[in-house]
Amino acid sequence: MSRPTSGSPGTWCRPIAPILVTGSTGYLGSRIVELLSARKKPVIGVSRKGGERPCDLCIPEAVAALVDDVQADTIIHCAAVVPQSAEEYADDAIGERNLAMVRHLIASNAKHIVFASSMTVYDASLSMPVAEEDAPPPAGGYGGGKRRAELLLEKSPQRTSILRFPGLFGPPRREGLLYNTTRAFFEGKTPRLPATPPLWGAFHVEDAADLCIRAGERREETPLVINAGYPDRQAVHLAVGELAGRFRRPAPQMAEGPVFAMNVERAGQVVRGDVCIACLDFQSRSGLGVSREAVGDGSLPDKATPSP
């Protein structure tokens, strides 16, 4: 039961509802919890592996009990079984497990679900960049599970915000194509990269976390779908080429890959005012995860100094 407000005997008010973040021990979820805590927002992290509130989201009774207990109005859903290989991306069982989590969240009493979806709902057969209205083709596996979850959310009674993210990078992750490319250029080497870029662009994890939080603050009842990216056209081959130029190194040969860009007008529904929607800064070594731990003292030699 809520406590009475001070100075108002007999008047009862509900405490500010916490934001529930699933997958709170994961790469994106943990960053969201950190940002919410830094902004003095009430937050409860949920993870099957631990977190503040352990919960297996594949068990419907556990999900219902959790949401009722914490009385969360908004759920930012980042939890997922993440494939570790190309074969696992095609695994229908992974897609079904992730779909079950969303189904159980919809059945809860939450008023708003922010869903961290994926650009894997699309495939290479579509022209790029894709718009939110471009219907993803029917698919199975991981991407197909994400798409079926989106369709469930679009028909659910809750307020829903669907954010389709490309591959994420940035600290504390010290791996991945952009990180390894940056480190190779920093060390004066030419990176060894696949001739065909992966089917995803690059989005900084902090920008992704901020976008999830802002979407959670949205009060419009209409469903929101955003293909997350940057206002400029981005792709793996474009990012590698820009890094090569800044470090004055020859760019490795790569085929042109899928291009992604953020729909600035639609994204403005989440990020308002004069705030930069999302700005990828390749001059920020910390943003790329290159730190003292990764490259010694962190100083850039002349031959690797980024150009202005």
C-alpha atoms as a PDB file:
ATOM      1  CA  MET A   1       0.000   0.000   0.000  1.00  0.00           C
ATOM      2  CA  SER A   2       1.264   3.482  -0.826  1.00  0.00           C
ATOM      3  CA  ARG A   3       2.241   5.879   1.894  1.00  0.00           C
ATOM      4  CA  PRO A   4       0.346   9.152   2.370  1.00  0.00           C
ATOM      5  CA  THR A   5       1.900  12.241   0.858  1.00  0.00           C
ATOM      6  CA  SER A   6       3.478  14.600   3.377  1.00  0.00           C
ATOM      7  CA  GLY A   7       1.226  17.447   4.430  1.00  0.00           C
ATOM      8  CA  SER A   8      -1.840  15.738   2.983  1.00  0.00           C
ATOM      9  CA  PRO A   9      -3.381  13.530   5.682  1.00  0.00           C
ATOM     10  CA  GLY A  10      -5.609  10.890   4.225  1.00  0.00           C
ATOM     11  CA  THR A  11      -4.328  11.485   0.672  1.00  0.00           C
ATOM     12  CA  TRP A  12      -2.590   8.519  -0.907  1.00  0.00           C
ATOM     13  CA  CYS A  13      -0.328   8.516  -3.907  1.00  0.00           C
ATOM     14  CA  ARG A  14       1.430   5.782  -5.789  1.00  0.00           C
ATOM     15  CA  PRO A  15       5.232   5.859  -5.659  1.00  0.00           C
ATOM     16  CA  ILE A  16       7.062   6.449  -8.917  1.00  0.00           C
ATOM     17  CA  ALA A  17       6.978   3.136 -10.736  1.00  0.00           C
ATOM     18  CA  PRO A  18      10.383   1.628 -11.454  1.00  0.00           C
ATOM     19  CA  ILE A  19      11.510   0.836 -14.985  1.00  0.00           C
ATOM     20  CA  LEU A  20      12.078  -2.872 -15.514  1.00  0.00           C
ATOM     21  CA  VAL A  21      15.102  -3.687 -17.693  1.00  0.00           C
ATOM     22  CA  THR A  22      15.369  -7.286 -18.864  1.00  0.00           C
ATOM     23  CA  GLY A  23      18.728  -8.708 -19.833  1.00  0.00           C
ATOM     24  CA  SER A  24      20.276  -6.367 -17.278  1.00  0.00           C
ATOM     25  CA  THR A  25      23.555  -8.282 -17.082  1.00  0.00           C
ATOM     26  CA  GLY A  26      24.004  -8.197 -20.862  1.00  0.00           C
ATOM     27  CA  TYR A  27      25.864  -5.730 -23.053  1.00  0.00           C
ATOM     28  CA  LEU A  28      22.971  -3.340 -23.801  1.00  0.00           C
ATOM     29  CA  GLY A  29      20.840  -3.985 -20.721  1.00  0.00           C
ATOM     30  CA  SER A  30      23.656  -3.289 -18.273  1.00  0.00           C
ATOM     31  CA  ARG A  31      24.377   0.048 -19.961  1.00  0.00           C
ATOM     32  CA  ILE A  32      20.700   1.023 -19.752  1.00  0.00           C
ATOM     33  CA  VAL A  33      20.658   0.253 -16.017  1.00  0.00           C
ATOM     34  CA  GLU A  34      23.813   2.335 -15.527  1.00  0.00           C
ATOM     35  CA  LEU A  35      22.380   5.322 -17.409  1.00  0.00           C
ATOM     36  CA  LEU A  36      19.033   5.179 -15.598  1.00  0.00           C
ATOM     37  CA  SER A  37      20.788   4.991 -12.230  1.00  0.00           C
ATOM     38  CA  ALA A  38      23.026   7.922 -13.159  1.00  0.00           C
ATOM     39  CA  ARG A  39      19.906   9.912 -14.075  1.00  0.00           C
ATOM     40  CA  LYS A  40      18.323   9.075 -10.692  1.00  0.00           C
ATOM     41  CA  LYS A  41      15.540   7.030 -12.272  1.00  0.00           C
ATOM     42  CA  PRO A  42      14.104   4.076 -10.341  1.00  0.00           C
ATOM     43  CA  VAL A  43      15.196   0.934 -12.148  1.00  0.00           C
ATOM     44  CA  ILE A  44      15.130  -2.802 -11.513  1.00  0.00           C
ATOM     45  CA  GLY A  45      17.421  -5.052 -13.499  1.00  0.00           C
ATOM     46  CA  VAL A  46      16.172  -8.508 -14.425  1.00  0.00           C
ATOM     47  CA  SER A  47      18.277 -11.353 -15.743  1.00  0.00           C
ATOM     48  CA  ARG A  48      18.113 -15.118 -15.846  1.00  0.00           C
ATOM     49  CA  LYS A  49      21.755 -15.130 -14.755  1.00  0.00           C
ATOM     50  CA  GLY A  50      21.218 -12.844 -11.801  1.00  0.00           C
ATOM     51  CA  GLY A  51      20.759  -9.102 -11.734  1.00  0.00           C
ATOM     52  CA  GLU A  52      18.718  -7.418  -9.040  1.00  0.00           C
ATOM     53  CA  ARG A  53      15.773  -9.721  -9.740  1.00  0.00           C
ATOM     54  CA  PRO A  54      16.566 -13.139 -11.260  1.00  0.00           C
ATOM     55  CA  CYS A  55      13.777 -14.345 -13.543  1.00  0.00           C
ATOM     56  CA  ASP A  56      13.443 -16.803 -16.416  1.00  0.00           C
ATOM     57  CA  LEU A  57      11.291 -14.909 -18.907  1.00  0.00           C
ATOM     58  CA  CYS A  58      10.409 -18.154 -20.664  1.00  0.00           C
ATOM     59  CA  ILE A  59       8.272 -19.119 -17.655  1.00  0.00           C
ATOM     60  CA  PRO A  60       4.969 -17.179 -17.919  1.00  0.00           C
ATOM     61  CA  GLU A  61       4.060 -17.492 -14.229  1.00  0.00           C
ATOM     62  CA  ALA A  62       7.447 -16.084 -13.216  1.00  0.00           C
ATOM     63  CA  VAL A  63       7.028 -13.084 -15.519  1.00  0.00           C
ATOM     64  CA  ALA A  64       3.507 -12.305 -14.289  1.00  0.00           C
ATOM     65  CA  ALA A  65       4.587 -12.531 -10.643  1.00  0.00           C
ATOM     66  CA  LEU A  66       7.599 -10.303 -11.259  1.00  0.00           C
ATOM     67  CA  VAL A  67       5.690  -7.500 -13.005  1.00  0.00           C
ATOM     68  CA  ASP A  68       2.898  -7.566 -10.412  1.00  0.00           C
ATOM     69  CA  ASP A  69       5.389  -7.521  -7.554  1.00  0.00           C
ATOM     70  CA  VAL A  70       7.472  -4.548  -8.714  1.00  0.00           C
ATOM     71  CA  GLN A  71       4.483  -2.695 -10.260  1.00  0.00           C
ATOM     72  CA  ALA A  72       6.513  -1.564 -13.246  1.00  0.00           C
ATOM     73  CA  ASP A  73       4.667   0.459 -15.881  1.00  0.00           C
ATOM     74  CA  THR A  74       7.509   0.398 -18.413  1.00  0.00           C
ATOM     75  CA  ILE A  75       9.591  -2.595 -19.462  1.00  0.00           C
ATOM     76  CA  ILE A  76      12.702  -2.158 -21.599  1.00  0.00           C
ATOM     77  CA  HIS A  77      13.166  -5.626 -23.035  1.00  0.00           C
ATOM     78  CA  CYS A  78      16.761  -6.446 -23.979  1.00  0.00           C
ATOM     79  CA  ALA A  79      16.902 -10.079 -22.891  1.00  0.00           C
ATOM     80  CA  ALA A  80      17.472 -12.540 -25.720  1.00  0.00           C
ATOM     81  CA  VAL A  81      19.214 -15.731 -26.637  1.00  0.00           C
ATOM     82  CA  VAL A  82      21.993 -14.276 -28.806  1.00  0.00           C
ATOM     83  CA  PRO A  83      23.406 -16.506 -31.561  1.00  0.00           C
ATOM     84  CA  GLN A  84      27.134 -17.168 -31.425  1.00  0.00           C
ATOM     85  CA  SER A  85      27.568 -18.363 -35.022  1.00  0.00           C
ATOM     86  CA  ALA A  86      26.014 -18.099 -38.479  1.00  0.00           C
ATOM     87  CA  GLU A  87      24.431 -21.498 -37.944  1.00  0.00           C
ATOM     88  CA  GLU A  88      22.757 -20.337 -34.734  1.00  0.00           C
ATOM     89  CA  TYR A  89      21.304 -17.263 -36.492  1.00  0.00           C
ATOM     90  CA  ALA A  90      19.334 -19.746 -38.607  1.00  0.00           C
ATOM     91  CA  ASP A  91      18.216 -21.791 -35.588  1.00  0.00           C
ATOM     92  CA  ASP A  92      14.419 -21.675 -35.289  1.00  0.00           C
ATOM     93  CA  ALA A  93      14.589 -22.816 -31.654  1.00  0.00           C
ATOM     94  CA  ILE A  94      16.447 -19.621 -30.718  1.00  0.00           C
ATOM     95  CA  GLY A  95      13.824 -17.513 -32.476  1.00  0.00           C
ATOM     96  CA  GLU A  96      11.012 -19.346 -30.695  1.00  0.00           C
ATOM     97  CA  ARG A  97      12.628 -18.910 -27.280  1.00  0.00           C
ATOM     98  CA  ASN A  98      12.996 -15.164 -27.816  1.00  0.00           C
ATOM     99  CA  LEU A  99       9.418 -14.950 -29.083  1.00  0.00           C
ATOM    100  CA  ALA A 100       8.144 -16.686 -25.943  1.00  0.00           C
ATOM    101  CA  MET A 101       9.735 -14.023 -23.731  1.00  0.00           C
ATOM    102  CA  VAL A 102       7.852 -11.250 -25.554  1.00  0.00           C
ATOM    103  CA  ARG A 103       4.602 -13.194 -25.447  1.00  0.00           C
ATOM    104  CA  HIS A 104       4.861 -13.489 -21.666  1.00  0.00           C
ATOM    105  CA  LEU A 105       5.678  -9.790 -21.233  1.00  0.00           C
ATOM    106  CA  ILE A 106       2.618  -8.842 -23.282  1.00  0.00           C
ATOM    107  CA  ALA A 107       0.478 -10.988 -20.971  1.00  0.00           C
ATOM    108  CA  SER A 108       1.725  -9.012 -17.950  1.00  0.00           C
ATOM    109  CA  ASN A 109       0.237  -5.803 -16.571  1.00  0.00           C
ATOM    110  CA  ALA A 110       2.934  -3.515 -17.988  1.00  0.00           C
ATOM    111  CA  LYS A 111       1.623  -0.406 -19.749  1.00  0.00           C
ATOM    112  CA  HIS A 112       4.565   0.208 -22.090  1.00  0.00           C
ATOM    113  CA  ILE A 113       7.022  -2.253 -23.648  1.00  0.00           C
ATOM    114  CA  VAL A 114      10.187  -0.994 -25.329  1.00  0.00           C
ATOM    115  CA  PHE A 115      11.523  -3.834 -27.469  1.00  0.00           C
ATOM    116  CA  ALA A 116      15.178  -4.012 -28.504  1.00  0.00           C
ATOM    117  CA  SER A 117      14.667  -5.642 -31.873  1.00  0.00           C
ATOM    118  CA  SER A 118      17.242  -6.194 -34.598  1.00  0.00           C
ATOM    119  CA  MET A 119      18.014  -5.231 -38.179  1.00  0.00           C
ATOM    120  CA  THR A 120      18.279  -8.981 -38.773  1.00  0.00           C
ATOM    121  CA  VAL A 121      14.526  -8.854 -39.437  1.00  0.00           C
ATOM    122  CA  TYR A 122      15.649  -7.748 -42.921  1.00  0.00           C
ATOM    123  CA  ASP A 123      17.866  -9.610 -45.333  1.00  0.00           C
ATOM    124  CA  ALA A 124      20.248  -8.719 -48.146  1.00  0.00           C
ATOM    125  CA  SER A 125      17.516  -9.024 -50.788  1.00  0.00           C
ATOM    126  CA  LEU A 126      16.139  -5.586 -49.881  1.00  0.00           C
ATOM    127  CA  SER A 127      17.595  -2.359 -51.218  1.00  0.00           C
ATOM    128  CA  MET A 128      19.384  -0.326 -48.568  1.00  0.00           C
ATOM    129  CA  PRO A 129      18.854   1.751 -46.554  1.00  0.00           C
ATOM    130  CA  VAL A 130      15.528   0.286 -45.534  1.00  0.00           C
ATOM    131  CA  ALA A 131      12.624   2.309 -44.173  1.00  0.00           C
ATOM    132  CA  GLU A 132      10.444   1.290 -41.267  1.00  0.00           C
ATOM    133  CA  GLU A 133       7.539   0.743 -43.660  1.00  0.00           C
ATOM    134  CA  ASP A 134       9.547  -1.748 -45.742  1.00  0.00           C
ATOM    135  CA  ALA A 135       7.993  -5.036 -44.699  1.00  0.00           C
ATOM    136  CA  PRO A 136      10.625  -7.559 -43.640  1.00  0.00           C
ATOM    137  CA  PRO A 137      10.282 -10.811 -45.600  1.00  0.00           C
ATOM    138  CA  PRO A 138       9.097 -13.931 -43.777  1.00  0.00           C
ATOM    139  CA  ALA A 139      12.067 -15.638 -42.185  1.00  0.00           C
ATOM    140  CA  GLY A 140      13.026 -18.159 -39.558  1.00  0.00           C
ATOM    141  CA  GLY A 141      15.810 -18.310 -37.031  1.00  0.00           C
ATOM    142  CA  TYR A 142      16.859 -15.398 -34.845  1.00  0.00           C
ATOM    143  CA  GLY A 143      15.662 -12.628 -37.174  1.00  0.00           C
ATOM    144  CA  GLY A 144      12.363 -14.374 -37.809  1.00  0.00           C
ATOM    145  CA  GLY A 145      11.734 -14.654 -34.077  1.00  0.00           C
ATOM    146  CA  LYS A 146      12.394 -10.934 -33.653  1.00  0.00           C
ATOM    147  CA  ARG A 147       9.975 -10.111 -36.467  1.00  0.00           C
ATOM    148  CA  ARG A 148       7.206 -12.308 -35.072  1.00  0.00           C
ATOM    149  CA  ALA A 149       7.712 -10.632 -31.701  1.00  0.00           C
ATOM    150  CA  GLU A 150       7.306  -7.233 -33.387  1.00  0.00           C
ATOM    151  CA  LEU A 151       4.009  -8.331 -34.934  1.00  0.00           C
ATOM    152  CA  LEU A 152       2.723  -9.498 -31.543  1.00  0.00           C
ATOM    153  CA  LEU A 153       3.658  -6.171 -29.978  1.00  0.00           C
ATOM    154  CA  GLU A 154       2.012  -4.160 -32.756  1.00  0.00           C
ATOM    155  CA  LYS A 155      -1.282  -5.933 -31.979  1.00  0.00           C
ATOM    156  CA  SER A 156      -0.940  -5.846 -28.193  1.00  0.00           C
ATOM    157  CA  PRO A 157      -3.035  -3.571 -25.942  1.00  0.00           C
ATOM    158  CA  GLN A 158       0.083  -1.973 -24.447  1.00  0.00           C
ATOM    159  CA  ARG A 159       1.909   1.101 -25.658  1.00  0.00           C
ATOM    160  CA  THR A 160       4.829  -0.267 -27.690  1.00  0.00           C
ATOM    161  CA  SER A 161       8.124   1.095 -28.985  1.00  0.00           C
ATOM    162  CA  ILE A 162      10.158  -1.124 -31.327  1.00  0.00           C
ATOM    163  CA  LEU A 163      13.790  -0.191 -31.913  1.00  0.00           C
ATOM    164  CA  ARG A 164      15.620  -2.186 -34.590  1.00  0.00           C
ATOM    165  CA  PHE A 165      19.323  -2.081 -33.806  1.00  0.00           C
ATOM    166  CA  PRO A 166      22.219  -3.018 -36.056  1.00  0.00           C
ATOM    167  CA  GLY A 167      25.291  -4.563 -34.439  1.00  0.00           C
ATOM    168  CA  LEU A 168      26.449  -2.654 -31.359  1.00  0.00           C
ATOM    169  CA  PHE A 169      29.975  -1.709 -30.375  1.00  0.00           C
ATOM    170  CA  GLY A 170      31.799   0.363 -27.764  1.00  0.00           C
ATOM    171  CA  PRO A 171      33.264  -0.083 -24.268  1.00  0.00           C
ATOM    172  CA  PRO A 172      33.497  -2.317 -22.351  1.00  0.00           C
ATOM    173  CA  ARG A 173      33.455  -4.620 -25.383  1.00  0.00           C
ATOM    174  CA  ARG A 174      36.979  -5.119 -26.671  1.00  0.00           C
ATOM    175  CA  GLU A 175      36.150  -7.149 -29.741  1.00  0.00           C
ATOM    176  CA  GLY A 176      34.297  -6.907 -32.997  1.00  0.00           C
ATOM    177  CA  LEU A 177      35.012  -5.588 -36.458  1.00  0.00           C
ATOM    178  CA  LEU A 178      35.278  -1.875 -35.663  1.00  0.00           C
ATOM    179  CA  TYR A 179      37.333  -2.348 -32.522  1.00  0.00           C
ATOM    180  CA  ASN A 180      39.777  -4.726 -34.198  1.00  0.00           C
ATOM    181  CA  THR A 181      40.017  -2.463 -37.255  1.00  0.00           C
ATOM    182  CA  THR A 182      40.751   0.581 -35.101  1.00  0.00           C
ATOM    183  CA  ARG A 183      43.385  -1.232 -33.116  1.00  0.00           C
ATOM    184  CA  ALA A 184      45.094  -2.507 -36.283  1.00  0.00           C
ATOM    185  CA  PHE A 185      45.225   0.994 -37.783  1.00  0.00           C
ATOM    186  CA  PHE A 186      46.489   2.360 -34.463  1.00  0.00           C
ATOM    187  CA  GLU A 187      49.337  -0.154 -34.506  1.00  0.00           C
ATOM    188  CA  GLY A 188      50.231   0.767 -38.091  1.00  0.00           C
ATOM    189  CA  LYS A 189      48.859  -2.467 -39.546  1.00  0.00           C
ATOM    190  CA  THR A 190      46.347  -3.220 -42.264  1.00  0.00           C
ATOM    191  CA  PRO A 191      43.412  -5.123 -40.753  1.00  0.00           C
ATOM    192  CA  ARG A 192      42.357  -8.461 -42.167  1.00  0.00           C
ATOM    193  CA  LEU A 193      38.647  -8.210 -42.874  1.00  0.00           C
ATOM    194  CA  PRO A 194      36.094 -10.399 -44.635  1.00  0.00           C
ATOM    195  CA  ALA A 195      35.688  -9.599 -48.327  1.00  0.00           C
ATOM    196  CA  THR A 196      31.939  -9.410 -47.778  1.00  0.00           C
ATOM    197  CA  PRO A 197      30.925  -7.262 -44.775  1.00  0.00           C
ATOM    198  CA  PRO A 198      28.513  -8.696 -42.218  1.00  0.00           C
ATOM    199  CA  LEU A 199      24.809  -7.987 -42.634  1.00  0.00           C
ATOM    200  CA  TRP A 200      24.720  -5.184 -40.106  1.00  0.00           C
ATOM    201  CA  GLY A 201      26.015  -1.676 -39.651  1.00  0.00           C
ATOM    202  CA  ALA A 202      27.464  -0.216 -36.467  1.00  0.00           C
ATOM    203  CA  PHE A 203      25.719   1.586 -33.597  1.00  0.00           C
ATOM    204  CA  HIS A 204      27.349   2.659 -30.361  1.00  0.00           C
ATOM    205  CA  VAL A 205      25.968   0.868 -27.313  1.00  0.00           C
ATOM    206  CA  GLU A 206      25.591   4.120 -25.375  1.00  0.00           C
ATOM    207  CA  ASP A 207      23.489   5.626 -28.172  1.00  0.00           C
ATOM    208  CA  ALA A 208      21.378   2.462 -28.175  1.00  0.00           C
ATOM    209  CA  ALA A 209      20.896   2.643 -24.403  1.00  0.00           C
ATOM    210  CA  ASP A 210      19.945   6.317 -24.559  1.00  0.00           C
ATOM    211  CA  LEU A 211      17.461   5.654 -27.358  1.00  0.00           C
ATOM    212  CA  CYS A 212      15.802   2.887 -25.309  1.00  0.00           C
ATOM    213  CA  ILE A 213      15.465   5.181 -22.299  1.00  0.00           C
ATOM    214  CA  ARG A 214      14.017   8.036 -24.336  1.00  0.00           C
ATOM    215  CA  ALA A 215      11.573   5.671 -26.002  1.00  0.00           C
ATOM    216  CA  GLY A 216      10.499   4.509 -22.545  1.00  0.00           C
ATOM    217  CA  GLU A 217       9.622   8.102 -21.638  1.00  0.00           C
ATOM    218  CA  ARG A 218       7.328   8.430 -24.639  1.00  0.00           C
ATOM    219  CA  ARG A 219       3.679   9.017 -23.780  1.00  0.00           C
ATOM    220  CA  GLU A 220       2.072   8.805 -27.223  1.00  0.00           C
ATOM    221  CA  GLU A 221      -0.251   5.815 -27.526  1.00  0.00           C
ATOM    222  CA  THR A 222       0.521   5.158 -31.193  1.00  0.00           C
ATOM    223  CA  PRO A 223       3.046   2.352 -31.814  1.00  0.00           C
ATOM    224  CA  LEU A 224       6.556   3.495 -32.668  1.00  0.00           C
ATOM    225  CA  VAL A 225       9.004   1.644 -34.919  1.00  0.00           C
ATOM    226  CA  ILE A 226      12.510   2.986 -35.598  1.00  0.00           C
ATOM    227  CA  ASN A 227      15.316   1.520 -37.667  1.00  0.00           C
ATOM    228  CA  ALA A 228      18.134   2.777 -35.461  1.00  0.00           C
ATOM    229  CA  GLY A 229      21.195   4.207 -37.130  1.00  0.00           C
ATOM    230  CA  TYR A 230      22.821   7.574 -37.686  1.00  0.00           C
ATOM    231  CA  PRO A 231      21.543  10.520 -39.747  1.00  0.00           C
ATOM    232  CA  ASP A 232      24.390   9.939 -42.211  1.00  0.00           C
ATOM    233  CA  ARG A 233      24.443   6.773 -44.256  1.00  0.00           C
ATOM    234  CA  GLN A 234      26.419   4.132 -42.393  1.00  0.00           C
ATOM    235  CA  ALA A 235      27.745   0.721 -43.332  1.00  0.00           C
ATOM    236  CA  VAL A 236      30.664  -1.431 -42.303  1.00  0.00           C
ATOM    237  CA  HIS A 237      32.631  -0.682 -45.475  1.00  0.00           C
ATOM    238  CA  LEU A 238      31.993   3.067 -45.113  1.00  0.00           C
ATOM    239  CA  ALA A 239      33.087   3.045 -41.471  1.00  0.00           C
ATOM    240  CA  VAL A 240      36.275   1.106 -42.268  1.00  0.00           C
ATOM    241  CA  GLY A 241      37.059   3.528 -45.093  1.00  0.00           C
ATOM    242  CA  GLU A 242      36.599   6.526 -42.804  1.00  0.00           C
ATOM    243  CA  LEU A 243      38.830   5.001 -40.151  1.00  0.00           C
ATOM    244  CA  ALA A 244      41.519   4.294 -42.754  1.00  0.00           C
ATOM    245  CA  GLY A 245      41.430   7.940 -43.824  1.00  0.00           C
ATOM    246  CA  ARG A 246      41.668   9.261 -40.300  1.00  0.00           C
ATOM    247  CA  PHE A 247      44.645   7.046 -39.511  1.00  0.00           C
ATOM    248  CA  ARG A 248      46.166   7.676 -42.961  1.00  0.00           C
ATOM    249  CA  ARG A 249      46.317   3.997 -43.753  1.00  0.00           C
ATOM    250  CA  PRO A 250      45.303   2.162 -46.947  1.00  0.00           C
ATOM    251  CA  ALA A 251      41.785   0.805 -46.729  1.00  0.00           C
ATOM    252  CA  PRO A 252      41.434  -2.961 -47.143  1.00  0.00           C
ATOM    253  CA  GLN A 253      39.432  -4.255 -50.084  1.00  0.00           C
ATOM    254  CA  MET A 254      35.828  -4.871 -49.094  1.00  0.00           C
ATOM    255  CA  ALA A 255      32.621  -5.338 -51.020  1.00  0.00           C
ATOM    256  CA  GLU A 256      29.932  -2.750 -50.421  1.00  0.00           C
ATOM    257  CA  GLY A 257      27.597  -3.919 -47.703  1.00  0.00           C
ATOM    258  CA  PRO A 258      24.121  -2.950 -46.497  1.00  0.00           C
ATOM    259  CA  VAL A 259      23.689   0.744 -45.727  1.00  0.00           C
ATOM    260  CA  PHE A 260      21.644   1.951 -42.758  1.00  0.00           C
ATOM    261  CA  ALA A 261      20.479   5.410 -41.786  1.00  0.00           C
ATOM    262  CA  MET A 262      18.151   6.756 -39.137  1.00  0.00           C
ATOM    263  CA  ASN A 263      14.874   8.319 -40.189  1.00  0.00           C
ATOM    264  CA  VAL A 264      15.533  11.651 -38.491  1.00  0.00           C
ATOM    265  CA  GLU A 265      11.912  12.771 -38.608  1.00  0.00           C
ATOM    266  CA  ARG A 266      10.656   9.601 -36.953  1.00  0.00           C
ATOM    267  CA  ALA A 267      13.509   9.462 -34.484  1.00  0.00           C
ATOM    268  CA  GLY A 268      12.550  12.999 -33.499  1.00  0.00           C
ATOM    269  CA  GLN A 269       9.496  11.501 -31.828  1.00  0.00           C
ATOM    270  CA  VAL A 270      11.909  10.096 -29.268  1.00  0.00           C
ATOM    271  CA  VAL A 271      14.746  12.631 -29.226  1.00  0.00           C
ATOM    272  CA  ARG A 272      13.286  16.104 -29.055  1.00  0.00           C
ATOM    273  CA  GLY A 273      14.627  19.625 -29.057  1.00  0.00           C
ATOM    274  CA  ASP A 274      18.151  20.476 -30.156  1.00  0.00           C
ATOM    275  CA  VAL A 275      19.697  17.253 -28.854  1.00  0.00           C
ATOM    276  CA  CYS A 276      21.809  15.408 -31.407  1.00  0.00           C
ATOM    277  CA  ILE A 277      19.924  12.215 -32.236  1.00  0.00           C
ATOM    278  CA  ALA A 278      23.067  10.117 -32.405  1.00  0.00           C
ATOM    279  CA  CYS A 279      26.489  11.156 -33.597  1.00  0.00           C
ATOM    280  CA  LEU A 280      29.154   8.573 -34.314  1.00  0.00           C
ATOM    281  CA  ASP A 281      32.515  10.225 -33.685  1.00  0.00           C
ATOM    282  CA  PHE A 282      35.429   8.271 -35.093  1.00  0.00           C
ATOM    283  CA  GLN A 283      37.832  10.802 -33.566  1.00  0.00           C
ATOM    284  CA  SER A 284      36.821   9.612 -30.119  1.00  0.00           C
ATOM    285  CA  ARG A 285      39.110   6.671 -29.382  1.00  0.00           C
ATOM    286  CA  SER A 286      37.259   6.000 -26.147  1.00  0.00           C
ATOM    287  CA  GLY A 287      34.050   5.666 -28.147  1.00  0.00           C
ATOM    288  CA  LEU A 288      35.632   2.941 -30.235  1.00  0.00           C
ATOM    289  CA  GLY A 289      36.855   1.123 -27.167  1.00  0.00           C
ATOM    290  CA  VAL A 290      40.537   1.934 -27.680  1.00  0.00           C
ATOM    291  CA  SER A 291      41.897   2.716 -24.224  1.00  0.00           C
ATOM    292  CA  ARG A 292      45.042   2.483 -22.136  1.00  0.00           C
ATOM    293  CA  GLU A 293      44.232  -1.134 -21.403  1.00  0.00           C
ATOM    294  CA  ALA A 294      44.035  -1.872 -25.107  1.00  0.00           C
ATOM    295  CA  VAL A 295      46.945   0.111 -26.547  1.00  0.00           C
ATOM    296  CA  GLY A 296      49.411   0.764 -23.755  1.00  0.00           C
ATOM    297  CA  ASP A 297      49.632   4.392 -22.682  1.00  0.00           C
ATOM    298  CA  GLY A 298      46.868   5.490 -25.058  1.00  0.00           C
ATOM    299  CA  SER A 299      49.019   8.031 -26.930  1.00  0.00           C
ATOM    300  CA  LEU A 300      48.730   8.230 -30.705  1.00  0.00           C
ATOM    301  CA  PRO A 301      51.997   8.198 -32.685  1.00  0.00           C
ATOM    302  CA  ASP A 302      52.328  10.757 -35.478  1.00  0.00           C
ATOM    303  CA  LYS A 303      51.813   8.195 -38.227  1.00  0.00           C
ATOM    304  CA  ALA A 304      48.464   7.204 -36.719  1.00  0.00           C
ATOM    305  CA  THR A 305      47.142  10.629 -35.761  1.00  0.00           C
ATOM    306  CA  PRO A 306      43.551  11.025 -36.959  1.00  0.00           C
ATOM    307  CA  SER A 307      43.142  13.759 -39.543  1.00  0.00           C
ATOM    308  CA  PRO A 308      41.002  16.778 -38.612  1.00  0.00           C
END
